[in-house]
Amino acid sequence: MIFLFSLADRHVINLSDINKGVSQNDEVEFYTIGNDVSMRECMITDLKKRLTNALNDANMDNSKVDDLLEWLEGNYKFFPVNEYSGWLSVFVISRN
């Protein structure tokens, strides 16, 4: 399976979604590749572009985006970074 995401990540697929679509007998392995966009310095740059564009496209107020990003920038160091915290995910599904 290959999933591609838009700038606004309109359709994000996570482990919970994958588990809903597989059989109870199937084995699902999950890990992520890289944390630079999801949990590191690039997260701020990435989210500024994504959130601003998504809110503009939806004709919604984006005046609080900078406040959120400022908070994230001061606190992302406290978010866990491990093999499951990256934004680019790999799911290996073994059918039994």
C-alpha atoms as a PDB file:
ATOM      1  CA  MET A   1       0.000   0.000   0.000  1.00  0.00           C
ATOM      2  CA  ILE A   2       1.175   3.512  -0.773  1.00  0.00           C
ATOM      3  CA  PHE A   3      -0.480   6.606   0.658  1.00  0.00           C
ATOM      4  CA  LEU A   4       0.213  10.108  -0.601  1.00  0.00           C
ATOM      5  CA  PHE A   5      -0.820  13.192   1.317  1.00  0.00           C
ATOM      6  CA  SER A   6      -1.727  16.686   0.232  1.00  0.00           C
ATOM      7  CA  LEU A   7      -0.254  19.894   1.609  1.00  0.00           C
ATOM      8  CA  ALA A   8      -3.120  20.068   4.114  1.00  0.00           C
ATOM      9  CA  ASP A   9      -3.027  16.319   4.854  1.00  0.00           C
ATOM     10  CA  ARG A  10      -6.706  16.065   4.127  1.00  0.00           C
ATOM     11  CA  HIS A  11      -6.557  12.284   4.410  1.00  0.00           C
ATOM     12  CA  VAL A  12      -4.154  11.133   7.085  1.00  0.00           C
ATOM     13  CA  ILE A  13      -4.009   7.411   7.719  1.00  0.00           C
ATOM     14  CA  ASN A  14      -2.740   6.256  11.099  1.00  0.00           C
ATOM     15  CA  LEU A  15      -2.365   2.952  12.902  1.00  0.00           C
ATOM     16  CA  SER A  16      -5.957   3.075  14.204  1.00  0.00           C
ATOM     17  CA  ASP A  17      -7.256   3.426  10.634  1.00  0.00           C
ATOM     18  CA  ILE A  18      -5.083   0.562   9.428  1.00  0.00           C
ATOM     19  CA  ASN A  19      -6.266  -1.689  12.263  1.00  0.00           C
ATOM     20  CA  LYS A  20      -9.914  -1.028  11.291  1.00  0.00           C
ATOM     21  CA  GLY A  21      -9.236  -2.292   7.777  1.00  0.00           C
ATOM     22  CA  VAL A  22      -7.422  -5.525   8.513  1.00  0.00           C
ATOM     23  CA  SER A  23      -8.564  -8.884   9.763  1.00  0.00           C
ATOM     24  CA  GLN A  24      -8.166  -9.781  13.414  1.00  0.00           C
ATOM     25  CA  ASN A  25      -5.751 -12.511  12.262  1.00  0.00           C
ATOM     26  CA  ASP A  26      -3.540 -10.125  10.272  1.00  0.00           C
ATOM     27  CA  GLU A  27      -0.284  -8.915  11.751  1.00  0.00           C
ATOM     28  CA  VAL A  28       0.464  -5.190  11.462  1.00  0.00           C
ATOM     29  CA  GLU A  29       3.930  -3.769  12.001  1.00  0.00           C
ATOM     30  CA  PHE A  30       4.248   0.007  12.212  1.00  0.00           C
ATOM     31  CA  TYR A  31       7.157   2.413  12.353  1.00  0.00           C
ATOM     32  CA  THR A  32       8.040   5.811  11.038  1.00  0.00           C
ATOM     33  CA  ILE A  33      10.933   7.151   9.012  1.00  0.00           C
ATOM     34  CA  GLY A  34      12.505  10.356  10.253  1.00  0.00           C
ATOM     35  CA  ASN A  35      11.222  12.846  12.800  1.00  0.00           C
ATOM     36  CA  ASP A  36      12.549  16.108  11.370  1.00  0.00           C
ATOM     37  CA  VAL A  37       9.190  17.293   9.987  1.00  0.00           C
ATOM     38  CA  SER A  38       6.946  15.908  12.699  1.00  0.00           C
ATOM     39  CA  MET A  39       8.891  16.571  15.863  1.00  0.00           C
ATOM     40  CA  ARG A  40      11.883  18.736  15.108  1.00  0.00           C
ATOM     41  CA  GLU A  41      12.736  22.223  13.880  1.00  0.00           C
ATOM     42  CA  CYS A  42      11.231  21.595  10.435  1.00  0.00           C
ATOM     43  CA  MET A  43       7.871  20.996  12.120  1.00  0.00           C
ATOM     44  CA  ILE A  44       7.394  24.744  12.653  1.00  0.00           C
ATOM     45  CA  THR A  45       8.159  25.655   9.032  1.00  0.00           C
ATOM     46  CA  ASP A  46       6.045  22.782   7.735  1.00  0.00           C
ATOM     47  CA  LEU A  47       3.028  23.578   9.925  1.00  0.00           C
ATOM     48  CA  LYS A  48       3.146  27.311   9.178  1.00  0.00           C
ATOM     49  CA  LYS A  49       2.743  26.563   5.487  1.00  0.00           C
ATOM     50  CA  ARG A  50       0.200  23.753   5.940  1.00  0.00           C
ATOM     51  CA  LEU A  51      -2.018  25.438   8.510  1.00  0.00           C
ATOM     52  CA  THR A  52      -2.000  28.829   6.839  1.00  0.00           C
ATOM     53  CA  ASN A  53      -2.834  27.333   3.435  1.00  0.00           C
ATOM     54  CA  ALA A  54      -5.465  24.925   4.774  1.00  0.00           C
ATOM     55  CA  LEU A  55      -7.258  27.646   6.725  1.00  0.00           C
ATOM     56  CA  ASN A  56      -7.076  30.046   3.761  1.00  0.00           C
ATOM     57  CA  ASP A  57      -8.473  27.368   1.445  1.00  0.00           C
ATOM     58  CA  ALA A  58     -11.344  26.779   3.892  1.00  0.00           C
ATOM     59  CA  ASN A  59     -11.975  30.530   4.234  1.00  0.00           C
ATOM     60  CA  MET A  60     -11.282  30.262   7.950  1.00  0.00           C
ATOM     61  CA  ASP A  61      -9.504  32.631  10.311  1.00  0.00           C
ATOM     62  CA  ASN A  62      -5.779  31.919  10.509  1.00  0.00           C
ATOM     63  CA  SER A  63      -4.866  34.756  12.864  1.00  0.00           C
ATOM     64  CA  LYS A  64      -3.944  32.343  15.681  1.00  0.00           C
ATOM     65  CA  VAL A  65      -1.547  30.157  13.646  1.00  0.00           C
ATOM     66  CA  ASP A  66       1.510  32.124  14.757  1.00  0.00           C
ATOM     67  CA  ASP A  67       0.438  31.813  18.421  1.00  0.00           C
ATOM     68  CA  LEU A  68       0.172  28.040  18.077  1.00  0.00           C
ATOM     69  CA  LEU A  69       3.511  27.805  16.295  1.00  0.00           C
ATOM     70  CA  GLU A  70       5.195  29.926  18.941  1.00  0.00           C
ATOM     71  CA  TRP A  71       3.896  27.563  21.632  1.00  0.00           C
ATOM     72  CA  LEU A  72       5.004  24.504  19.650  1.00  0.00           C
ATOM     73  CA  GLU A  73       8.448  25.971  19.064  1.00  0.00           C
ATOM     74  CA  GLY A  74       8.905  26.436  22.806  1.00  0.00           C
ATOM     75  CA  ASN A  75       7.593  22.986  23.662  1.00  0.00           C
ATOM     76  CA  TYR A  76       8.358  20.513  20.878  1.00  0.00           C
ATOM     77  CA  LYS A  77      11.470  19.435  22.782  1.00  0.00           C
ATOM     78  CA  PHE A  78       9.132  17.800  25.311  1.00  0.00           C
ATOM     79  CA  PHE A  79       7.307  15.682  22.715  1.00  0.00           C
ATOM     80  CA  PRO A  80       8.493  12.067  22.594  1.00  0.00           C
ATOM     81  CA  VAL A  81      10.707  11.199  19.652  1.00  0.00           C
ATOM     82  CA  ASN A  82      10.937   7.507  18.869  1.00  0.00           C
ATOM     83  CA  GLU A  83      10.340   5.012  16.062  1.00  0.00           C
ATOM     84  CA  TYR A  84       6.596   5.762  16.181  1.00  0.00           C
ATOM     85  CA  SER A  85       6.597   9.573  16.274  1.00  0.00           C
ATOM     86  CA  GLY A  86       7.638  10.458  12.729  1.00  0.00           C
ATOM     87  CA  TRP A  87       5.249  11.782  10.106  1.00  0.00           C
ATOM     88  CA  LEU A  88       6.168   9.386   7.281  1.00  0.00           C
ATOM     89  CA  SER A  89       4.822   5.998   8.304  1.00  0.00           C
ATOM     90  CA  VAL A  90       5.450   2.482   7.112  1.00  0.00           C
ATOM     91  CA  PHE A  91       2.844  -0.209   7.720  1.00  0.00           C
ATOM     92  CA  VAL A  92       3.688  -3.831   7.002  1.00  0.00           C
ATOM     93  CA  ILE A  93       0.578  -6.003   6.896  1.00  0.00           C
ATOM     94  CA  SER A  94       0.996  -9.757   6.923  1.00  0.00           C
ATOM     95  CA  ARG A  95      -2.159 -11.605   5.976  1.00  0.00           C
ATOM     96  CA  ASN A  96      -2.692 -14.777   7.972  1.00  0.00           C
END
